[in-house]
Amino acid sequence: METYNESALSNIHAERRRDSLKDTALGLVSTLSFPAIVGTADMMLKSAGVHLVGYEKIGSGHCTAIVRGGIADVRLAVEAGVQTAEQFGQLVSSLVIARPYPNLDIILPINRLTRFMGDGRYSRLSNQAIGLVETRGFPAMVGACDAMLKAADVHLASYEKIGAGLCTAIIRGSVANVAVAVEAGMFEAERIGELNAVMVIPRPLDELEETLPVASCWMEERQPVNIPINIKDKITDVEAVELPDLAKLPVRVKEEIWHDE
């Protein structure tokens, strides 16, 4: 019953959150790399009061981060995202729509918002730093993953494909370990094939967590804390111990002598 109630409450919160995004401004920033779009989305979330709806990947390495919020916040977030993408040398285009038509939601990944927490699951890797290494070619990514796992205490969370032969390995761990691992992965990827982009995010926000792919082995169901005590249950596998007959035990009486003064 408790698990059902938690799941129902999560779904209600997800529906309310989606409804709150209706009739809000729309902002989009597109890049040519998955690590670049994650870093861009992280900067957009931290620069203004916007919500990250999700990503759209249309092939050939094109990735778009989509945010919703008030028009002023969206403009500020898109501006910060554009500057970040330009620093990476990966900017493709950007767009701000102040009053999007409601039917436009059909082509947006808005229904995927809060999908990470909406089903009552959570990731054991949450609140850890994120490292992304993108290569052109699968062997280079596999080699980079092997080098990163051997170089530092990190966990391989998942990987992402965005077309044009681009693959991104996503690792989690402490900031120091992720930085060391990413550096090792960079060198190995360059040795094997082509390194396209890298990214380290020390303190990811919850909304960024929700949009990143996570391998199923790192997902756990939220379980209620129960104390399984039932006095009506029969106790099994208990060795019976025979108690002595108290009536037959000798009783020692300590004799006390009183002296009248």
C-alpha atoms as a PDB file:
ATOM      1  CA  MET A   1       0.000   0.000   0.000  1.00  0.00           C
ATOM      2  CA  GLU A   2       2.799   2.385   0.890  1.00  0.00           C
ATOM      3  CA  THR A   3       4.641   1.677  -2.383  1.00  0.00           C
ATOM      4  CA  TYR A   4       1.437   2.267  -4.345  1.00  0.00           C
ATOM      5  CA  ASN A   5       0.841   5.591  -2.580  1.00  0.00           C
ATOM      6  CA  GLU A   6       4.398   6.762  -3.285  1.00  0.00           C
ATOM      7  CA  SER A   7       4.039   5.878  -6.969  1.00  0.00           C
ATOM      8  CA  ALA A   8       0.670   7.654  -7.181  1.00  0.00           C
ATOM      9  CA  LEU A   9       2.071  10.781  -5.515  1.00  0.00           C
ATOM     10  CA  SER A  10       5.056  10.785  -7.885  1.00  0.00           C
ATOM     11  CA  ASN A  11       2.717  10.599 -10.890  1.00  0.00           C
ATOM     12  CA  ILE A  12       0.585  13.436  -9.502  1.00  0.00           C
ATOM     13  CA  HIS A  13       3.650  15.640  -8.989  1.00  0.00           C
ATOM     14  CA  ALA A  14       4.837  14.833 -12.522  1.00  0.00           C
ATOM     15  CA  GLU A  15       1.443  15.778 -13.992  1.00  0.00           C
ATOM     16  CA  ARG A  16       1.361  19.034 -12.027  1.00  0.00           C
ATOM     17  CA  ARG A  17       4.857  19.868 -13.175  1.00  0.00           C
ATOM     18  CA  ARG A  18       3.976  19.271 -16.823  1.00  0.00           C
ATOM     19  CA  ASP A  19       0.854  21.391 -16.455  1.00  0.00           C
ATOM     20  CA  SER A  20       2.906  24.221 -14.935  1.00  0.00           C
ATOM     21  CA  LEU A  21       5.048  24.308 -18.100  1.00  0.00           C
ATOM     22  CA  LYS A  22       2.105  24.944 -20.385  1.00  0.00           C
ATOM     23  CA  ASP A  23       1.858  28.437 -21.875  1.00  0.00           C
ATOM     24  CA  THR A  24       5.479  29.170 -20.898  1.00  0.00           C
ATOM     25  CA  ALA A  25       8.200  30.455 -23.182  1.00  0.00           C
ATOM     26  CA  LEU A  26      10.298  27.966 -25.116  1.00  0.00           C
ATOM     27  CA  GLY A  27      14.070  28.002 -25.575  1.00  0.00           C
ATOM     28  CA  LEU A  28      16.249  25.751 -27.733  1.00  0.00           C
ATOM     29  CA  VAL A  29      20.020  25.516 -28.182  1.00  0.00           C
ATOM     30  CA  SER A  30      21.553  23.043 -30.633  1.00  0.00           C
ATOM     31  CA  THR A  31      25.102  21.660 -30.703  1.00  0.00           C
ATOM     32  CA  LEU A  32      27.105  19.034 -32.593  1.00  0.00           C
ATOM     33  CA  SER A  33      28.098  16.970 -29.566  1.00  0.00           C
ATOM     34  CA  PHE A  34      26.342  15.225 -26.687  1.00  0.00           C
ATOM     35  CA  PRO A  35      28.893  16.326 -24.023  1.00  0.00           C
ATOM     36  CA  ALA A  36      28.530  19.885 -25.332  1.00  0.00           C
ATOM     37  CA  ILE A  37      24.739  19.824 -25.066  1.00  0.00           C
ATOM     38  CA  VAL A  38      24.875  18.422 -21.513  1.00  0.00           C
ATOM     39  CA  GLY A  39      27.308  21.144 -20.477  1.00  0.00           C
ATOM     40  CA  THR A  40      25.170  23.747 -22.247  1.00  0.00           C
ATOM     41  CA  ALA A  41      22.010  22.502 -20.502  1.00  0.00           C
ATOM     42  CA  ASP A  42      23.797  22.572 -17.152  1.00  0.00           C
ATOM     43  CA  MET A  43      24.755  26.228 -17.683  1.00  0.00           C
ATOM     44  CA  MET A  44      21.219  27.126 -18.811  1.00  0.00           C
ATOM     45  CA  LEU A  45      19.712  25.624 -15.658  1.00  0.00           C
ATOM     46  CA  LYS A  46      22.203  27.368 -13.398  1.00  0.00           C
ATOM     47  CA  SER A  47      21.884  30.785 -15.053  1.00  0.00           C
ATOM     48  CA  ALA A  48      18.092  31.259 -14.885  1.00  0.00           C
ATOM     49  CA  GLY A  49      14.870  29.878 -13.428  1.00  0.00           C
ATOM     50  CA  VAL A  50      14.021  27.513 -16.281  1.00  0.00           C
ATOM     51  CA  HIS A  51      13.078  23.848 -16.506  1.00  0.00           C
ATOM     52  CA  LEU A  52      14.937  21.393 -18.727  1.00  0.00           C
ATOM     53  CA  VAL A  53      12.337  19.533 -20.762  1.00  0.00           C
ATOM     54  CA  GLY A  54      14.845  17.213 -22.387  1.00  0.00           C
ATOM     55  CA  TYR A  55      16.997  16.654 -25.453  1.00  0.00           C
ATOM     56  CA  GLU A  56      16.255  15.936 -29.094  1.00  0.00           C
ATOM     57  CA  LYS A  57      18.824  13.973 -31.099  1.00  0.00           C
ATOM     58  CA  ILE A  58      18.162  14.009 -34.844  1.00  0.00           C
ATOM     59  CA  GLY A  59      21.299  12.273 -36.105  1.00  0.00           C
ATOM     60  CA  SER A  60      24.622  13.401 -37.565  1.00  0.00           C
ATOM     61  CA  GLY A  61      25.626  14.536 -34.076  1.00  0.00           C
ATOM     62  CA  HIS A  62      22.933  17.214 -33.792  1.00  0.00           C
ATOM     63  CA  CYS A  63      21.594  17.547 -30.225  1.00  0.00           C
ATOM     64  CA  THR A  64      19.144  20.166 -28.928  1.00  0.00           C
ATOM     65  CA  ALA A  65      18.453  21.131 -25.326  1.00  0.00           C
ATOM     66  CA  ILE A  66      14.885  22.355 -24.716  1.00  0.00           C
ATOM     67  CA  VAL A  67      13.959  24.553 -21.751  1.00  0.00           C
ATOM     68  CA  ARG A  68      10.690  26.149 -20.599  1.00  0.00           C
ATOM     69  CA  GLY A  69       9.973  29.046 -18.256  1.00  0.00           C
ATOM     70  CA  GLY A  70       9.155  32.745 -18.121  1.00  0.00           C
ATOM     71  CA  ILE A  71      10.205  34.721 -21.171  1.00  0.00           C
ATOM     72  CA  ALA A  72      12.894  36.685 -19.307  1.00  0.00           C
ATOM     73  CA  ASP A  73      14.379  33.541 -17.773  1.00  0.00           C
ATOM     74  CA  VAL A  74      14.301  31.670 -21.067  1.00  0.00           C
ATOM     75  CA  ARG A  75      16.056  34.503 -22.905  1.00  0.00           C
ATOM     76  CA  LEU A  76      18.724  34.629 -20.218  1.00  0.00           C
ATOM     77  CA  ALA A  77      19.161  30.849 -20.223  1.00  0.00           C
ATOM     78  CA  VAL A  78      19.433  30.639 -24.023  1.00  0.00           C
ATOM     79  CA  GLU A  79      21.986  33.449 -24.057  1.00  0.00           C
ATOM     80  CA  ALA A  80      24.083  31.594 -21.471  1.00  0.00           C
ATOM     81  CA  GLY A  81      23.668  28.359 -23.426  1.00  0.00           C
ATOM     82  CA  VAL A  82      24.788  29.965 -26.669  1.00  0.00           C
ATOM     83  CA  GLN A  83      27.892  31.406 -25.021  1.00  0.00           C
ATOM     84  CA  THR A  84      28.738  28.020 -23.494  1.00  0.00           C
ATOM     85  CA  ALA A  85      28.247  26.165 -26.790  1.00  0.00           C
ATOM     86  CA  GLU A  86      30.403  28.731 -28.589  1.00  0.00           C
ATOM     87  CA  GLN A  87      33.172  28.185 -26.038  1.00  0.00           C
ATOM     88  CA  PHE A  88      33.066  24.486 -26.917  1.00  0.00           C
ATOM     89  CA  GLY A  89      33.069  25.352 -30.624  1.00  0.00           C
ATOM     90  CA  GLN A  90      29.909  23.249 -31.050  1.00  0.00           C
ATOM     91  CA  LEU A  91      27.077  25.779 -31.509  1.00  0.00           C
ATOM     92  CA  VAL A  92      24.661  25.094 -34.373  1.00  0.00           C
ATOM     93  CA  SER A  93      21.649  27.318 -33.690  1.00  0.00           C
ATOM     94  CA  SER A  94      19.328  28.700 -31.020  1.00  0.00           C
ATOM     95  CA  LEU A  95      15.707  29.786 -30.746  1.00  0.00           C
ATOM     96  CA  VAL A  96      13.379  31.556 -28.296  1.00  0.00           C
ATOM     97  CA  ILE A  97       9.579  31.433 -28.702  1.00  0.00           C
ATOM     98  CA  ALA A  98       7.807  33.748 -26.268  1.00  0.00           C
ATOM     99  CA  ARG A  99       4.295  32.338 -26.714  1.00  0.00           C
ATOM    100  CA  PRO A 100       4.401  28.870 -28.298  1.00  0.00           C
ATOM    101  CA  TYR A 101       1.135  27.507 -29.631  1.00  0.00           C
ATOM    102  CA  PRO A 102      -0.165  24.727 -27.312  1.00  0.00           C
ATOM    103  CA  ASN A 103      -0.193  22.116 -30.082  1.00  0.00           C
ATOM    104  CA  LEU A 104       3.565  22.608 -30.495  1.00  0.00           C
ATOM    105  CA  ASP A 105       4.073  20.311 -27.494  1.00  0.00           C
ATOM    106  CA  ILE A 106       3.484  17.330 -29.776  1.00  0.00           C
ATOM    107  CA  ILE A 107       6.956  17.674 -31.317  1.00  0.00           C
ATOM    108  CA  LEU A 108       8.647  18.402 -27.969  1.00  0.00           C
ATOM    109  CA  PRO A 109       9.857  15.791 -25.464  1.00  0.00           C
ATOM    110  CA  ILE A 110       7.701  17.369 -22.741  1.00  0.00           C
ATOM    111  CA  ASN A 111       6.074  14.050 -21.852  1.00  0.00           C
ATOM    112  CA  ARG A 112       9.483  12.715 -20.929  1.00  0.00           C
ATOM    113  CA  LEU A 113       9.930  15.287 -18.187  1.00  0.00           C
ATOM    114  CA  THR A 114      10.405  13.707 -14.735  1.00  0.00           C
ATOM    115  CA  ARG A 115      10.372  10.223 -16.278  1.00  0.00           C
ATOM    116  CA  PHE A 116      13.410   9.434 -14.144  1.00  0.00           C
ATOM    117  CA  MET A 117      11.565   9.863 -10.841  1.00  0.00           C
ATOM    118  CA  GLY A 118       7.989   9.461 -12.036  1.00  0.00           C
ATOM    119  CA  ASP A 119       8.017   5.670 -11.786  1.00  0.00           C
ATOM    120  CA  GLY A 120       9.305   5.551  -8.220  1.00  0.00           C
ATOM    121  CA  ARG A 121      12.863   4.652  -9.190  1.00  0.00           C
ATOM    122  CA  TYR A 122      16.079   6.423  -8.368  1.00  0.00           C
ATOM    123  CA  SER A 123      19.724   6.105  -9.370  1.00  0.00           C
ATOM    124  CA  ARG A 124      22.411   5.066  -6.926  1.00  0.00           C
ATOM    125  CA  LEU A 125      24.759   7.398  -8.835  1.00  0.00           C
ATOM    126  CA  SER A 126      22.768  10.560  -8.176  1.00  0.00           C
ATOM    127  CA  ASN A 127      24.513  13.625  -6.738  1.00  0.00           C
ATOM    128  CA  GLN A 128      27.901  12.494  -8.061  1.00  0.00           C
ATOM    129  CA  ALA A 129      30.035  14.361 -10.589  1.00  0.00           C
ATOM    130  CA  ILE A 130      29.460  13.566 -14.263  1.00  0.00           C
ATOM    131  CA  GLY A 131      32.151  12.856 -16.835  1.00  0.00           C
ATOM    132  CA  LEU A 132      31.462  12.520 -20.564  1.00  0.00           C
ATOM    133  CA  VAL A 133      33.898  11.366 -23.238  1.00  0.00           C
ATOM    134  CA  GLU A 134      32.675  11.374 -26.832  1.00  0.00           C
ATOM    135  CA  THR A 135      34.493   9.538 -29.603  1.00  0.00           C
ATOM    136  CA  ARG A 136      33.896   8.904 -33.272  1.00  0.00           C
ATOM    137  CA  GLY A 137      33.737   5.156 -33.470  1.00  0.00           C
ATOM    138  CA  PHE A 138      32.623   2.489 -31.002  1.00  0.00           C
ATOM    139  CA  PRO A 139      36.053   0.844 -30.426  1.00  0.00           C
ATOM    140  CA  ALA A 140      37.526   4.176 -29.327  1.00  0.00           C
ATOM    141  CA  MET A 141      34.702   4.636 -26.814  1.00  0.00           C
ATOM    142  CA  VAL A 142      35.101   1.114 -25.412  1.00  0.00           C
ATOM    143  CA  GLY A 143      38.835   1.632 -25.047  1.00  0.00           C
ATOM    144  CA  ALA A 144      38.252   4.980 -23.348  1.00  0.00           C
ATOM    145  CA  CYS A 145      35.792   3.357 -20.916  1.00  0.00           C
ATOM    146  CA  ASP A 146      38.305   0.658 -20.020  1.00  0.00           C
ATOM    147  CA  ALA A 147      41.030   3.241 -19.423  1.00  0.00           C
ATOM    148  CA  MET A 148      38.750   5.427 -17.268  1.00  0.00           C
ATOM    149  CA  LEU A 149      37.597   2.555 -15.083  1.00  0.00           C
ATOM    150  CA  LYS A 150      41.198   1.462 -14.514  1.00  0.00           C
ATOM    151  CA  ALA A 151      42.511   4.964 -13.872  1.00  0.00           C
ATOM    152  CA  ALA A 152      40.190   6.046 -11.036  1.00  0.00           C
ATOM    153  CA  ASP A 153      37.339   4.994  -8.760  1.00  0.00           C
ATOM    154  CA  VAL A 154      34.449   5.789 -11.120  1.00  0.00           C
ATOM    155  CA  HIS A 155      31.359   3.959 -12.345  1.00  0.00           C
ATOM    156  CA  LEU A 156      30.273   3.623 -15.954  1.00  0.00           C
ATOM    157  CA  ALA A 157      26.638   4.769 -15.887  1.00  0.00           C
ATOM    158  CA  SER A 158      25.665   4.416 -19.551  1.00  0.00           C
ATOM    159  CA  TYR A 159      26.516   5.560 -23.051  1.00  0.00           C
ATOM    160  CA  GLU A 160      24.749   7.611 -25.697  1.00  0.00           C
ATOM    161  CA  LYS A 161      24.709   7.412 -29.523  1.00  0.00           C
ATOM    162  CA  ILE A 162      23.805  10.506 -31.569  1.00  0.00           C
ATOM    163  CA  GLY A 163      24.624   9.442 -35.113  1.00  0.00           C
ATOM    164  CA  ALA A 164      27.559  10.163 -37.431  1.00  0.00           C
ATOM    165  CA  GLY A 165      29.536   7.522 -35.532  1.00  0.00           C
ATOM    166  CA  LEU A 166      29.559   9.595 -32.328  1.00  0.00           C
ATOM    167  CA  CYS A 167      29.361   7.683 -29.029  1.00  0.00           C
ATOM    168  CA  THR A 168      29.526   9.194 -25.537  1.00  0.00           C
ATOM    169  CA  ALA A 169      30.563   7.297 -22.415  1.00  0.00           C
ATOM    170  CA  ILE A 170      29.026   8.663 -19.198  1.00  0.00           C
ATOM    171  CA  ILE A 171      30.828   8.051 -15.912  1.00  0.00           C
ATOM    172  CA  ARG A 172      29.990   9.044 -12.330  1.00  0.00           C
ATOM    173  CA  GLY A 173      32.101   9.511  -9.213  1.00  0.00           C
ATOM    174  CA  SER A 174      33.766  12.146  -7.075  1.00  0.00           C
ATOM    175  CA  VAL A 175      35.010  15.284  -8.832  1.00  0.00           C
ATOM    176  CA  ALA A 176      38.665  14.335  -8.448  1.00  0.00           C
ATOM    177  CA  ASN A 177      38.162  10.764  -9.668  1.00  0.00           C
ATOM    178  CA  VAL A 178      36.046  11.846 -12.628  1.00  0.00           C
ATOM    179  CA  ALA A 179      38.648  14.419 -13.685  1.00  0.00           C
ATOM    180  CA  VAL A 180      41.450  11.834 -13.559  1.00  0.00           C
ATOM    181  CA  ALA A 181      39.348   9.246 -15.397  1.00  0.00           C
ATOM    182  CA  VAL A 182      38.306  11.646 -18.170  1.00  0.00           C
ATOM    183  CA  GLU A 183      41.929  12.608 -18.787  1.00  0.00           C
ATOM    184  CA  ALA A 184      42.895   8.940 -19.097  1.00  0.00           C
ATOM    185  CA  GLY A 185      39.948   8.297 -21.408  1.00  0.00           C
ATOM    186  CA  MET A 186      40.936  11.197 -23.643  1.00  0.00           C
ATOM    187  CA  PHE A 187      44.437   9.836 -24.234  1.00  0.00           C
ATOM    188  CA  GLU A 188      43.162   6.313 -24.905  1.00  0.00           C
ATOM    189  CA  ALA A 189      40.478   7.520 -27.315  1.00  0.00           C
ATOM    190  CA  GLU A 190      43.032   9.543 -29.281  1.00  0.00           C
ATOM    191  CA  ARG A 191      45.360   6.529 -29.399  1.00  0.00           C
ATOM    192  CA  ILE A 192      42.672   4.218 -30.766  1.00  0.00           C
ATOM    193  CA  GLY A 193      40.621   6.518 -32.977  1.00  0.00           C
ATOM    194  CA  GLU A 194      39.129  10.011 -32.846  1.00  0.00           C
ATOM    195  CA  LEU A 195      38.252  12.028 -29.754  1.00  0.00           C
ATOM    196  CA  ASN A 196      35.372  14.432 -30.428  1.00  0.00           C
ATOM    197  CA  ALA A 197      34.474  16.116 -27.104  1.00  0.00           C
ATOM    198  CA  VAL A 198      34.776  15.817 -23.326  1.00  0.00           C
ATOM    199  CA  MET A 199      32.913  17.339 -20.380  1.00  0.00           C
ATOM    200  CA  VAL A 200      33.118  17.268 -16.565  1.00  0.00           C
ATOM    201  CA  ILE A 201      30.176  18.558 -14.495  1.00  0.00           C
ATOM    202  CA  PRO A 202      31.076  18.737 -10.782  1.00  0.00           C
ATOM    203  CA  ARG A 203      27.637  19.459  -9.291  1.00  0.00           C
ATOM    204  CA  PRO A 204      24.753  18.397 -11.555  1.00  0.00           C
ATOM    205  CA  LEU A 205      21.284  19.691 -10.724  1.00  0.00           C
ATOM    206  CA  ASP A 206      18.369  17.314 -10.217  1.00  0.00           C
ATOM    207  CA  GLU A 207      16.733  18.279 -13.515  1.00  0.00           C
ATOM    208  CA  LEU A 208      19.935  17.471 -15.383  1.00  0.00           C
ATOM    209  CA  GLU A 209      20.015  14.092 -13.638  1.00  0.00           C
ATOM    210  CA  GLU A 210      16.518  13.327 -14.902  1.00  0.00           C
ATOM    211  CA  THR A 211      17.488  13.767 -18.551  1.00  0.00           C
ATOM    212  CA  LEU A 212      20.666  11.680 -18.590  1.00  0.00           C
ATOM    213  CA  PRO A 213      20.567   8.009 -19.584  1.00  0.00           C
ATOM    214  CA  VAL A 214      21.286   5.629 -16.715  1.00  0.00           C
ATOM    215  CA  ALA A 215      21.937   1.902 -17.097  1.00  0.00           C
ATOM    216  CA  SER A 216      19.251  -0.284 -15.527  1.00  0.00           C
ATOM    217  CA  CYS A 217      21.818  -1.894 -13.203  1.00  0.00           C
ATOM    218  CA  TRP A 218      22.140   1.439 -11.373  1.00  0.00           C
ATOM    219  CA  MET A 219      18.383   1.829 -10.884  1.00  0.00           C
ATOM    220  CA  GLU A 220      16.649   0.750  -7.693  1.00  0.00           C
ATOM    221  CA  GLU A 221      13.040   0.602  -6.605  1.00  0.00           C
ATOM    222  CA  ARG A 222      12.104   2.702  -3.616  1.00  0.00           C
ATOM    223  CA  GLN A 223      11.098   0.208  -0.955  1.00  0.00           C
ATOM    224  CA  PRO A 224       9.112   1.047   2.193  1.00  0.00           C
ATOM    225  CA  VAL A 225      10.721   0.279   5.522  1.00  0.00           C
ATOM    226  CA  ASN A 226       8.709  -2.520   7.107  1.00  0.00           C
ATOM    227  CA  ILE A 227       9.198  -4.336  10.409  1.00  0.00           C
ATOM    228  CA  PRO A 228       8.001  -7.910   9.744  1.00  0.00           C
ATOM    229  CA  ILE A 229       6.744  -8.820  13.215  1.00  0.00           C
ATOM    230  CA  ASN A 230       3.661 -10.985  13.608  1.00  0.00           C
ATOM    231  CA  ILE A 231       3.050 -12.666  16.957  1.00  0.00           C
ATOM    232  CA  LYS A 232       0.588 -15.067  15.312  1.00  0.00           C
ATOM    233  CA  ASP A 233       3.252 -16.619  13.100  1.00  0.00           C
ATOM    234  CA  LYS A 234       4.558 -19.952  14.232  1.00  0.00           C
ATOM    235  CA  ILE A 235       8.194 -20.051  15.208  1.00  0.00           C
ATOM    236  CA  THR A 236      10.042 -22.793  13.356  1.00  0.00           C
ATOM    237  CA  ASP A 237      13.548 -24.212  13.564  1.00  0.00           C
ATOM    238  CA  VAL A 238      13.739 -23.522  17.293  1.00  0.00           C
ATOM    239  CA  GLU A 239      15.351 -26.098  19.557  1.00  0.00           C
ATOM    240  CA  ALA A 240      13.214 -26.898  22.594  1.00  0.00           C
ATOM    241  CA  VAL A 241      14.938 -26.677  25.963  1.00  0.00           C
ATOM    242  CA  GLU A 242      13.536 -28.585  28.935  1.00  0.00           C
ATOM    243  CA  LEU A 243      13.351 -26.515  32.102  1.00  0.00           C
ATOM    244  CA  PRO A 244      13.971 -28.101  35.514  1.00  0.00           C
ATOM    245  CA  ASP A 245      11.139 -28.677  37.989  1.00  0.00           C
ATOM    246  CA  LEU A 246      11.383 -25.795  40.414  1.00  0.00           C
ATOM    247  CA  ALA A 247       9.575 -27.779  43.150  1.00  0.00           C
ATOM    248  CA  LYS A 248      12.370 -30.369  43.255  1.00  0.00           C
ATOM    249  CA  LEU A 249      15.205 -27.887  43.478  1.00  0.00           C
ATOM    250  CA  PRO A 250      16.826 -27.555  46.923  1.00  0.00           C
ATOM    251  CA  VAL A 251      16.167 -24.228  48.548  1.00  0.00           C
ATOM    252  CA  ARG A 252      18.876 -22.677  50.604  1.00  0.00           C
ATOM    253  CA  VAL A 253      17.670 -20.594  53.545  1.00  0.00           C
ATOM    254  CA  LYS A 254      20.087 -18.110  54.982  1.00  0.00           C
ATOM    255  CA  GLU A 255      19.801 -18.075  58.742  1.00  0.00           C
ATOM    256  CA  GLU A 256      19.881 -14.669  60.334  1.00  0.00           C
ATOM    257  CA  ILE A 257      20.362 -14.123  64.089  1.00  0.00           C
ATOM    258  CA  TRP A 258      18.942 -11.010  65.720  1.00  0.00           C
ATOM    259  CA  HIS A 259      20.387  -9.708  68.958  1.00  0.00           C
ATOM    260  CA  ASP A 260      18.184  -7.591  71.148  1.00  0.00           C
ATOM    261  CA  GLU A 261      19.969  -4.704  72.743  1.00  0.00           C
END
